[in-house]
C-alpha atoms as a PDB file:
ATOM      1  CA  UNK A   1      -0.075  -0.023   0.091  1.00  0.00           C
ATOM      2  CA  UNK A   2       1.255   3.415  -1.034  1.00  0.00           C
ATOM      3  CA  UNK A   3       0.798   5.993   1.776  1.00  0.00           C
ATOM      4  CA  UNK A   4      -0.173   9.321   0.339  1.00  0.00           C
ATOM      5  CA  UNK A   5      -1.090  12.131   2.792  1.00  0.00           C
ATOM      6  CA  UNK A   6      -1.566  14.878   0.040  1.00  0.00           C
ATOM      7  CA  UNK A   7      -3.908  17.598   1.278  1.00  0.00           C
ATOM      8  CA  UNK A   8      -3.367  16.616   4.815  1.00  0.00           C
ATOM      9  CA  UNK A   9      -2.078  18.915   7.608  1.00  0.00           C
ATOM     10  CA  UNK A  10      -0.016  17.423  10.329  1.00  0.00           C
ATOM     11  CA  UNK A  11       1.119  19.174  13.613  1.00  0.00           C
ATOM     12  CA  UNK A  12       3.852  17.615  15.490  1.00  0.00           C
ATOM     13  CA  UNK A  13       4.317  18.708  19.031  1.00  0.00           C
ATOM     14  CA  UNK A  14       7.875  18.164  20.429  1.00  0.00           C
ATOM     15  CA  UNK A  15       8.937  18.479  16.837  1.00  0.00           C
ATOM     16  CA  UNK A  16      12.318  19.741  17.556  1.00  0.00           C
ATOM     17  CA  UNK A  17      13.461  16.671  19.195  1.00  0.00           C
ATOM     18  CA  UNK A  18      15.181  13.700  17.430  1.00  0.00           C
ATOM     19  CA  UNK A  19      12.294  11.361  17.241  1.00  0.00           C
ATOM     20  CA  UNK A  20       9.671  13.712  16.315  1.00  0.00           C
ATOM     21  CA  UNK A  21      11.636  15.823  14.009  1.00  0.00           C
ATOM     22  CA  UNK A  22      12.157  12.552  11.944  1.00  0.00           C
ATOM     23  CA  UNK A  23       8.466  11.968  12.198  1.00  0.00           C
ATOM     24  CA  UNK A  24       7.839  15.372  10.827  1.00  0.00           C
ATOM     25  CA  UNK A  25      10.165  14.591   7.917  1.00  0.00           C
ATOM     26  CA  UNK A  26       8.519  11.209   7.239  1.00  0.00           C
ATOM     27  CA  UNK A  27       5.055  12.852   7.091  1.00  0.00           C
ATOM     28  CA  UNK A  28       6.340  15.496   4.702  1.00  0.00           C
ATOM     29  CA  UNK A  29       7.956  12.948   2.440  1.00  0.00           C
ATOM     30  CA  UNK A  30       4.590  11.448   2.048  1.00  0.00           C
ATOM     31  CA  UNK A  31       3.085  14.841   1.037  1.00  0.00           C
ATOM     32  CA  UNK A  32       1.510  16.005   4.195  1.00  0.00           C
ATOM     33  CA  UNK A  33       2.159  19.687   5.018  1.00  0.00           C
ATOM     34  CA  UNK A  34       3.832  19.613   8.374  1.00  0.00           C
ATOM     35  CA  UNK A  35       3.838  22.109  11.432  1.00  0.00           C
ATOM     36  CA  UNK A  36       6.890  21.562  13.625  1.00  0.00           C
ATOM     37  CA  UNK A  37       5.893  22.881  17.031  1.00  0.00           C
ATOM     38  CA  UNK A  38       8.266  23.473  19.866  1.00  0.00           C
ATOM     39  CA  UNK A  39       9.522  26.048  22.259  1.00  0.00           C
ATOM     40  CA  UNK A  40      12.850  26.274  20.531  1.00  0.00           C
ATOM     41  CA  UNK A  41      11.526  28.397  17.377  1.00  0.00           C
ATOM     42  CA  UNK A  42      14.915  28.659  15.722  1.00  0.00           C
ATOM     43  CA  UNK A  43      15.149  24.756  15.651  1.00  0.00           C
ATOM     44  CA  UNK A  44      11.643  24.389  14.396  1.00  0.00           C
ATOM     45  CA  UNK A  45      12.257  26.968  11.636  1.00  0.00           C
ATOM     46  CA  UNK A  46      15.556  25.177  10.699  1.00  0.00           C
ATOM     47  CA  UNK A  47      13.812  21.829  10.340  1.00  0.00           C
ATOM     48  CA  UNK A  48      10.888  23.296   8.423  1.00  0.00           C
ATOM     49  CA  UNK A  49      13.443  25.016   5.915  1.00  0.00           C
ATOM     50  CA  UNK A  50      15.032  21.559   5.531  1.00  0.00           C
ATOM     51  CA  UNK A  51      11.792  20.030   4.668  1.00  0.00           C
ATOM     52  CA  UNK A  52      10.876  22.666   2.211  1.00  0.00           C
ATOM     53  CA  UNK A  53      14.421  22.490   0.566  1.00  0.00           C
ATOM     54  CA  UNK A  54      13.679  18.929  -0.097  1.00  0.00           C
ATOM     55  CA  UNK A  55      10.521  19.682  -1.910  1.00  0.00           C
ATOM     56  CA  UNK A  56       7.950  19.502   1.018  1.00  0.00           C
ATOM     57  CA  UNK A  57       5.735  21.940   2.749  1.00  0.00           C
ATOM     58  CA  UNK A  58       6.296  22.823   6.292  1.00  0.00           C
ATOM     59  CA  UNK A  59       6.360  25.645   8.968  1.00  0.00           C
ATOM     60  CA  UNK A  60       8.047  26.139  12.225  1.00  0.00           C
ATOM     61  CA  UNK A  61       5.699  27.180  14.946  1.00  0.00           C
ATOM     62  CA  UNK A  62       6.611  28.367  18.609  1.00  0.00           C
ATOM     63  CA  UNK A  63       4.320  26.420  21.189  1.00  0.00           C
ATOM     64  CA  UNK A  64       4.366  25.546  24.663  1.00  0.00           C
ATOM     65  CA  UNK A  65       1.998  22.619  25.058  1.00  0.00           C
ATOM     66  CA  UNK A  66       1.372  23.502  28.796  1.00  0.00           C
ATOM     67  CA  UNK A  67      -0.176  26.922  27.917  1.00  0.00           C
ATOM     68  CA  UNK A  68      -3.558  26.843  26.504  1.00  0.00           C
ATOM     69  CA  UNK A  69      -3.159  30.436  24.966  1.00  0.00           C
ATOM     70  CA  UNK A  70       0.211  29.216  23.278  1.00  0.00           C
ATOM     71  CA  UNK A  71      -1.412  26.128  21.807  1.00  0.00           C
ATOM     72  CA  UNK A  72      -4.426  28.101  20.545  1.00  0.00           C
ATOM     73  CA  UNK A  73      -2.148  30.778  18.976  1.00  0.00           C
ATOM     74  CA  UNK A  74       0.034  27.923  17.495  1.00  0.00           C
ATOM     75  CA  UNK A  75      -3.293  26.534  15.999  1.00  0.00           C
ATOM     76  CA  UNK A  76      -4.297  29.775  14.429  1.00  0.00           C
ATOM     77  CA  UNK A  77      -0.834  30.243  12.818  1.00  0.00           C
ATOM     78  CA  UNK A  78      -0.973  26.705  11.490  1.00  0.00           C
ATOM     79  CA  UNK A  79      -4.340  27.342  10.031  1.00  0.00           C
ATOM     80  CA  UNK A  80      -3.357  30.632   8.168  1.00  0.00           C
ATOM     81  CA  UNK A  81       0.053  29.022   6.956  1.00  0.00           C
ATOM     82  CA  UNK A  82      -0.887  25.450   6.133  1.00  0.00           C
ATOM     83  CA  UNK A  83      -4.636  25.026   6.618  1.00  0.00           C
ATOM     84  CA  UNK A  84      -6.631  23.229   9.412  1.00  0.00           C
ATOM     85  CA  UNK A  85      -4.905  20.230  11.216  1.00  0.00           C
ATOM     86  CA  UNK A  86      -5.930  16.882  10.149  1.00  0.00           C
ATOM     87  CA  UNK A  87      -3.153  14.804  12.020  1.00  0.00           C
ATOM     88  CA  UNK A  88      -2.044  15.564  15.423  1.00  0.00           C
ATOM     89  CA  UNK A  89       1.243  13.863  16.772  1.00  0.00           C
ATOM     90  CA  UNK A  90       1.511  14.496  20.348  1.00  0.00           C
ATOM     91  CA  UNK A  91       5.280  13.998  20.823  1.00  0.00           C
ATOM     92  CA  UNK A  92       6.225  16.848  23.541  1.00  0.00           C
ATOM     93  CA  UNK A  93       7.310  14.883  26.702  1.00  0.00           C
ATOM     94  CA  UNK A  94      10.394  14.153  28.709  1.00  0.00           C
ATOM     95  CA  UNK A  95      11.903  13.596  32.218  1.00  0.00           C
ATOM     96  CA  UNK A  96      13.322  15.833  34.684  1.00  0.00           C
ATOM     97  CA  UNK A  97      16.065  14.889  37.377  1.00  0.00           C
ATOM     98  CA  UNK A  98      13.645  16.196  40.096  1.00  0.00           C
ATOM     99  CA  UNK A  99      11.515  13.166  39.629  1.00  0.00           C
ATOM    100  CA  UNK A 100      14.213  10.628  39.263  1.00  0.00           C
ATOM    101  CA  UNK A 101      15.836   8.484  42.059  1.00  0.00           C
ATOM    102  CA  UNK A 102      19.633   8.130  42.188  1.00  0.00           C
ATOM    103  CA  UNK A 103      19.405   4.473  42.990  1.00  0.00           C
ATOM    104  CA  UNK A 104      17.299   1.555  41.440  1.00  0.00           C
ATOM    105  CA  UNK A 105      16.595   0.103  44.759  1.00  0.00           C
ATOM    106  CA  UNK A 106      15.759   1.556  48.182  1.00  0.00           C
ATOM    107  CA  UNK A 107      18.535   1.386  50.671  1.00  0.00           C
ATOM    108  CA  UNK A 108      17.913   1.117  54.399  1.00  0.00           C
ATOM    109  CA  UNK A 109      20.054   4.286  54.945  1.00  0.00           C
ATOM    110  CA  UNK A 110      17.713   6.332  52.871  1.00  0.00           C
ATOM    111  CA  UNK A 111      15.398   6.559  55.856  1.00  0.00           C
ATOM    112  CA  UNK A 112      18.119   8.637  57.707  1.00  0.00           C
ATOM    113  CA  UNK A 113      19.206  12.049  57.043  1.00  0.00           C
ATOM    114  CA  UNK A 114      19.657  12.862  53.269  1.00  0.00           C
ATOM    115  CA  UNK A 115      22.757  11.561  51.855  1.00  0.00           C
ATOM    116  CA  UNK A 116      24.860  14.273  49.780  1.00  0.00           C
ATOM    117  CA  UNK A 117      24.118  14.095  45.978  1.00  0.00           C
ATOM    118  CA  UNK A 118      21.762  11.147  46.351  1.00  0.00           C
ATOM    119  CA  UNK A 119      18.017  11.557  45.566  1.00  0.00           C
ATOM    120  CA  UNK A 120      15.917   8.898  47.121  1.00  0.00           C
ATOM    121  CA  UNK A 121      12.200   8.153  46.966  1.00  0.00           C
ATOM    122  CA  UNK A 122      11.893  10.320  50.171  1.00  0.00           C
ATOM    123  CA  UNK A 123      13.451  13.500  48.916  1.00  0.00           C
ATOM    124  CA  UNK A 124      12.235  13.537  45.236  1.00  0.00           C
ATOM    125  CA  UNK A 125      11.384  17.145  44.284  1.00  0.00           C
ATOM    126  CA  UNK A 126       7.465  17.343  44.004  1.00  0.00           C
ATOM    127  CA  UNK A 127       7.738  20.199  41.766  1.00  0.00           C
ATOM    128  CA  UNK A 128       9.929  18.056  39.416  1.00  0.00           C
ATOM    129  CA  UNK A 129       7.463  15.244  39.594  1.00  0.00           C
ATOM    130  CA  UNK A 130       4.659  17.643  38.691  1.00  0.00           C
ATOM    131  CA  UNK A 131       6.748  19.101  35.820  1.00  0.00           C
ATOM    132  CA  UNK A 132       7.280  15.473  34.300  1.00  0.00           C
ATOM    133  CA  UNK A 133       3.618  14.585  34.749  1.00  0.00           C
ATOM    134  CA  UNK A 134       2.314  17.841  33.223  1.00  0.00           C
ATOM    135  CA  UNK A 135       4.775  17.898  30.301  1.00  0.00           C
ATOM    136  CA  UNK A 136       3.843  14.282  29.248  1.00  0.00           C
ATOM    137  CA  UNK A 137       0.227  13.989  30.107  1.00  0.00           C
ATOM    138  CA  UNK A 138      -1.158  17.473  30.251  1.00  0.00           C
ATOM    139  CA  UNK A 139       1.089  18.352  27.465  1.00  0.00           C
ATOM    140  CA  UNK A 140      -0.934  15.705  25.539  1.00  0.00           C
ATOM    141  CA  UNK A 141      -4.175  16.581  26.791  1.00  0.00           C
ATOM    142  CA  UNK A 142      -4.138  20.253  25.906  1.00  0.00           C
ATOM    143  CA  UNK A 143      -3.212  20.021  22.217  1.00  0.00           C
ATOM    144  CA  UNK A 144      -5.814  17.175  21.921  1.00  0.00           C
ATOM    145  CA  UNK A 145      -8.387  19.662  22.961  1.00  0.00           C
ATOM    146  CA  UNK A 146      -7.418  22.532  20.797  1.00  0.00           C
ATOM    147  CA  UNK A 147      -6.646  20.740  17.631  1.00  0.00           C
ATOM    148  CA  UNK A 148      -9.593  18.448  17.533  1.00  0.00           C
ATOM    149  CA  UNK A 149     -12.199  21.257  17.588  1.00  0.00           C
ATOM    150  CA  UNK A 150     -11.945  21.655  13.721  1.00  0.00           C
ATOM    151  CA  UNK A 151     -11.596  17.954  13.316  1.00  0.00           C
ATOM    152  CA  UNK A 152     -14.860  17.465  15.006  1.00  0.00           C
ATOM    153  CA  UNK A 153     -16.557  19.831  12.551  1.00  0.00           C
ATOM    154  CA  UNK A 154     -15.102  17.945   9.622  1.00  0.00           C
ATOM    155  CA  UNK A 155     -15.959  14.681  11.282  1.00  0.00           C
ATOM    156  CA  UNK A 156     -12.478  13.278  10.496  1.00  0.00           C
ATOM    157  CA  UNK A 157      -9.164  13.502  12.021  1.00  0.00           C
ATOM    158  CA  UNK A 158      -6.287  11.335  13.578  1.00  0.00           C
ATOM    159  CA  UNK A 159      -4.497  11.715  16.686  1.00  0.00           C
ATOM    160  CA  UNK A 160      -1.180   9.858  17.430  1.00  0.00           C
ATOM    161  CA  UNK A 161       0.230   9.974  20.850  1.00  0.00           C
ATOM    162  CA  UNK A 162       3.610   9.149  21.881  1.00  0.00           C
ATOM    163  CA  UNK A 163       3.838   6.693  24.737  1.00  0.00           C
ATOM    164  CA  UNK A 164       6.905   4.627  26.058  1.00  0.00           C
ATOM    165  CA  UNK A 165       7.983   1.175  27.149  1.00  0.00           C
ATOM    166  CA  UNK A 166       7.716   2.530  30.801  1.00  0.00           C
ATOM    167  CA  UNK A 167       4.021   2.790  30.465  1.00  0.00           C
ATOM    168  CA  UNK A 168       3.574  -0.877  30.369  1.00  0.00           C
ATOM    169  CA  UNK A 169       6.247  -1.729  33.009  1.00  0.00           C
ATOM    170  CA  UNK A 170       7.712   1.054  35.064  1.00  0.00           C
ATOM    171  CA  UNK A 171      11.481   1.504  34.821  1.00  0.00           C
ATOM    172  CA  UNK A 172      13.538   1.907  37.882  1.00  0.00           C
ATOM    173  CA  UNK A 173      14.533   5.316  38.946  1.00  0.00           C
ATOM    174  CA  UNK A 174      11.826   7.092  36.887  1.00  0.00           C
ATOM    175  CA  UNK A 175       8.688   7.111  38.781  1.00  0.00           C
ATOM    176  CA  UNK A 176       7.298  10.250  37.535  1.00  0.00           C
ATOM    177  CA  UNK A 177       8.020   9.498  33.901  1.00  0.00           C
ATOM    178  CA  UNK A 178       6.704   5.935  34.318  1.00  0.00           C
ATOM    179  CA  UNK A 179       3.436   7.220  35.776  1.00  0.00           C
ATOM    180  CA  UNK A 180       2.879   9.917  33.378  1.00  0.00           C
ATOM    181  CA  UNK A 181       3.271   7.619  30.258  1.00  0.00           C
ATOM    182  CA  UNK A 182       1.048   5.162  31.850  1.00  0.00           C
ATOM    183  CA  UNK A 183      -1.523   8.063  32.030  1.00  0.00           C
ATOM    184  CA  UNK A 184      -0.907   8.749  28.220  1.00  0.00           C
ATOM    185  CA  UNK A 185      -1.804   5.183  27.391  1.00  0.00           C
ATOM    186  CA  UNK A 186      -4.930   5.236  29.490  1.00  0.00           C
ATOM    187  CA  UNK A 187      -5.915   8.509  27.995  1.00  0.00           C
ATOM    188  CA  UNK A 188      -5.317   7.455  24.512  1.00  0.00           C
ATOM    189  CA  UNK A 189      -7.802   4.694  25.047  1.00  0.00           C
ATOM    190  CA  UNK A 190     -10.363   6.773  26.789  1.00  0.00           C
ATOM    191  CA  UNK A 191     -10.150   9.513  23.987  1.00  0.00           C
ATOM    192  CA  UNK A 192     -10.498   6.914  21.321  1.00  0.00           C
ATOM    193  CA  UNK A 193     -13.765   5.891  22.806  1.00  0.00           C
ATOM    194  CA  UNK A 194     -14.940   9.279  23.582  1.00  0.00           C
ATOM    195  CA  UNK A 195     -14.158  10.630  19.878  1.00  0.00           C
ATOM    196  CA  UNK A 196     -15.440   7.338  18.037  1.00  0.00           C
ATOM    197  CA  UNK A 197     -18.715   8.948  17.164  1.00  0.00           C
ATOM    198  CA  UNK A 198     -17.308  12.094  15.443  1.00  0.00           C
ATOM    199  CA  UNK A 199     -14.782  10.504  13.223  1.00  0.00           C
ATOM    200  CA  UNK A 200     -11.536  11.000  15.029  1.00  0.00           C
ATOM    201  CA  UNK A 201      -9.142   8.013  15.558  1.00  0.00           C
ATOM    202  CA  UNK A 202      -6.764   8.003  18.662  1.00  0.00           C
ATOM    203  CA  UNK A 203      -3.928   5.756  18.908  1.00  0.00           C
ATOM    204  CA  UNK A 204      -0.370   5.845  20.352  1.00  0.00           C
ATOM    205  CA  UNK A 205       3.146   4.616  19.536  1.00  0.00           C
ATOM    206  CA  UNK A 206       5.177   3.304  22.244  1.00  0.00           C
ATOM    207  CA  UNK A 207       8.961   3.538  21.286  1.00  0.00           C
ATOM    208  CA  UNK A 208      11.434   1.103  22.889  1.00  0.00           C
ATOM    209  CA  UNK A 209      14.744   2.517  23.501  1.00  0.00           C
ATOM    210  CA  UNK A 210      16.284   5.100  21.129  1.00  0.00           C
ATOM    211  CA  UNK A 211      19.321   7.036  21.945  1.00  0.00           C
ATOM    212  CA  UNK A 212      18.228  10.715  22.019  1.00  0.00           C
ATOM    213  CA  UNK A 213      19.597  14.029  23.330  1.00  0.00           C
ATOM    214  CA  UNK A 214      17.819  13.537  26.840  1.00  0.00           C
ATOM    215  CA  UNK A 215      19.065  10.036  27.549  1.00  0.00           C
ATOM    216  CA  UNK A 216      22.386   9.741  25.547  1.00  0.00           C
ATOM    217  CA  UNK A 217      24.488  10.250  28.855  1.00  0.00           C
ATOM    218  CA  UNK A 218      22.564   7.516  30.621  1.00  0.00           C
ATOM    219  CA  UNK A 219      22.832   4.967  27.920  1.00  0.00           C
ATOM    220  CA  UNK A 220      26.178   5.566  26.472  1.00  0.00           C
ATOM    221  CA  UNK A 221      29.742   6.644  27.661  1.00  0.00           C
ATOM    222  CA  UNK A 222      31.669   9.344  25.905  1.00  0.00           C
ATOM    223  CA  UNK A 223      33.780   6.746  24.031  1.00  0.00           C
ATOM    224  CA  UNK A 224      30.779   5.181  22.655  1.00  0.00           C
ATOM    225  CA  UNK A 225      30.502   2.120  25.002  1.00  0.00           C
ATOM    226  CA  UNK A 226      27.440   1.415  26.888  1.00  0.00           C
ATOM    227  CA  UNK A 227      26.807   2.336  30.585  1.00  0.00           C
ATOM    228  CA  UNK A 228      25.448  -0.400  33.017  1.00  0.00           C
ATOM    229  CA  UNK A 229      22.031   0.801  32.371  1.00  0.00           C
ATOM    230  CA  UNK A 230      22.449   0.803  28.518  1.00  0.00           C
ATOM    231  CA  UNK A 231      23.977  -2.875  28.664  1.00  0.00           C
ATOM    232  CA  UNK A 232      20.856  -3.853  30.883  1.00  0.00           C
ATOM    233  CA  UNK A 233      18.444  -2.454  28.257  1.00  0.00           C
ATOM    234  CA  UNK A 234      20.132  -4.243  25.384  1.00  0.00           C
ATOM    235  CA  UNK A 235      20.125  -7.525  27.411  1.00  0.00           C
ATOM    236  CA  UNK A 236      16.289  -7.336  27.519  1.00  0.00           C
ATOM    237  CA  UNK A 237      15.923  -6.260  23.882  1.00  0.00           C
ATOM    238  CA  UNK A 238      15.610  -9.559  21.775  1.00  0.00           C
ATOM    239  CA  UNK A 239      16.757  -7.775  18.855  1.00  0.00           C
ATOM    240  CA  UNK A 240      19.918  -6.772  20.573  1.00  0.00           C
ATOM    241  CA  UNK A 241      20.035  -3.144  19.509  1.00  0.00           C
ATOM    242  CA  UNK A 242      18.712   0.327  20.202  1.00  0.00           C
ATOM    243  CA  UNK A 243      16.089   1.806  17.702  1.00  0.00           C
ATOM    244  CA  UNK A 244      16.794   4.058  14.936  1.00  0.00           C
ATOM    245  CA  UNK A 245      14.368   6.959  14.309  1.00  0.00           C
ATOM    246  CA  UNK A 246      13.584   5.508  10.856  1.00  0.00           C
ATOM    247  CA  UNK A 247      12.058   2.402  12.683  1.00  0.00           C
ATOM    248  CA  UNK A 248       9.211   4.583  13.668  1.00  0.00           C
ATOM    249  CA  UNK A 249       8.146   5.467  10.143  1.00  0.00           C
ATOM    250  CA  UNK A 250       6.050   2.491   9.404  1.00  0.00           C
ATOM    251  CA  UNK A 251       3.773   2.694  12.503  1.00  0.00           C
ATOM    252  CA  UNK A 252       3.663   6.433  12.118  1.00  0.00           C
ATOM    253  CA  UNK A 253       2.307   6.374   8.341  1.00  0.00           C
ATOM    254  CA  UNK A 254       0.156   3.289   9.134  1.00  0.00           C
ATOM    255  CA  UNK A 255      -1.634   5.167  11.892  1.00  0.00           C
ATOM    256  CA  UNK A 256      -1.757   8.521  10.031  1.00  0.00           C
ATOM    257  CA  UNK A 257      -3.521   7.091   6.943  1.00  0.00           C
ATOM    258  CA  UNK A 258      -7.230   6.393   7.027  1.00  0.00           C
ATOM    259  CA  UNK A 259      -6.996   3.944   4.036  1.00  0.00           C
ATOM    260  CA  UNK A 260      -4.346   1.847   5.948  1.00  0.00           C
ATOM    261  CA  UNK A 261      -5.819   1.906   9.469  1.00  0.00           C
ATOM    262  CA  UNK A 262      -9.213   3.266   9.323  1.00  0.00           C
ATOM    263  CA  UNK A 263     -10.603   0.582  11.722  1.00  0.00           C
ATOM    264  CA  UNK A 264      -7.803   0.975  14.190  1.00  0.00           C
ATOM    265  CA  UNK A 265      -8.404   3.236  17.312  1.00  0.00           C
ATOM    266  CA  UNK A 266      -7.561   2.910  20.930  1.00  0.00           C
ATOM    267  CA  UNK A 267      -4.361   1.011  20.085  1.00  0.00           C
ATOM    268  CA  UNK A 268      -0.860   1.489  21.713  1.00  0.00           C
ATOM    269  CA  UNK A 269       1.645  -0.045  19.268  1.00  0.00           C
ATOM    270  CA  UNK A 270       5.057  -1.012  20.707  1.00  0.00           C
ATOM    271  CA  UNK A 271       8.121  -0.335  18.390  1.00  0.00           C
ATOM    272  CA  UNK A 272      10.626  -1.859  20.620  1.00  0.00           C
ATOM    273  CA  UNK A 273      12.673  -4.530  19.202  1.00  0.00           C
ATOM    274  CA  UNK A 274      10.702  -7.136  21.424  1.00  0.00           C
ATOM    275  CA  UNK A 275      11.374  -5.371  24.843  1.00  0.00           C
ATOM    276  CA  UNK A 276       7.847  -5.589  25.913  1.00  0.00           C
ATOM    277  CA  UNK A 277       7.338  -9.252  24.952  1.00  0.00           C
ATOM    278  CA  UNK A 278      10.569 -10.462  26.599  1.00  0.00           C
ATOM    279  CA  UNK A 279      10.147 -11.800  30.394  1.00  0.00           C
ATOM    280  CA  UNK A 280      13.829 -11.864  30.932  1.00  0.00           C
ATOM    281  CA  UNK A 281      13.971 -15.542  30.765  1.00  0.00           C
END
């Protein structure tokens, strides 16, 4: 099946990151007009310029997904420059040190006075936890409300949320991120049912482990060798490798195209090299 998104307008939040910028390029390669949304306007504009230089149609748009007025302004700008949004990719997200423990397992000494430079379950930063939850969950909910209004009027539209492996089985050290992505999974399924009578399909992609700007230092050393955490991830990935951004293209295009996945809604698709299927034995 040939995926042709001619006439479609796609908005990609978090579009300045490694994975979502690649998604924006893939959608443009299949003839969608693409808005790259992010707080780093210069980066969004640079990606849009690259897409247009390759013959596509794109626009960089400043957007803070946690501020309703910012998202509404971005929507207005997209409609003026490209047209109403048909495909929304909710890719904004990430983690924060304040919501991350230093150790994988609780140590008895963690009940005592705080250990210098060690963040335990008992001294996690509540503001950091709230930031992580808001960025991943609220940052998915707000654009979904803003961009679907026109979709409802047209009785047609697609939402693709970006989940994570940690939504299925929480990863050690990242309780806030794990809980937030689990919420994204639940919200994806809830919204799919809620929107089912107005022609809007809602699904999610759950990437496995990809090396990005945010996690590079956690997974790889400066010399390119893997950290202990990186080794542990690979040992639990049956395909014995990290993902490449290009590995997300198939699932993205399939979910974006009504002809290909018109009867698919409420699904969370792992793209993970088998990580979620492997019990460790």
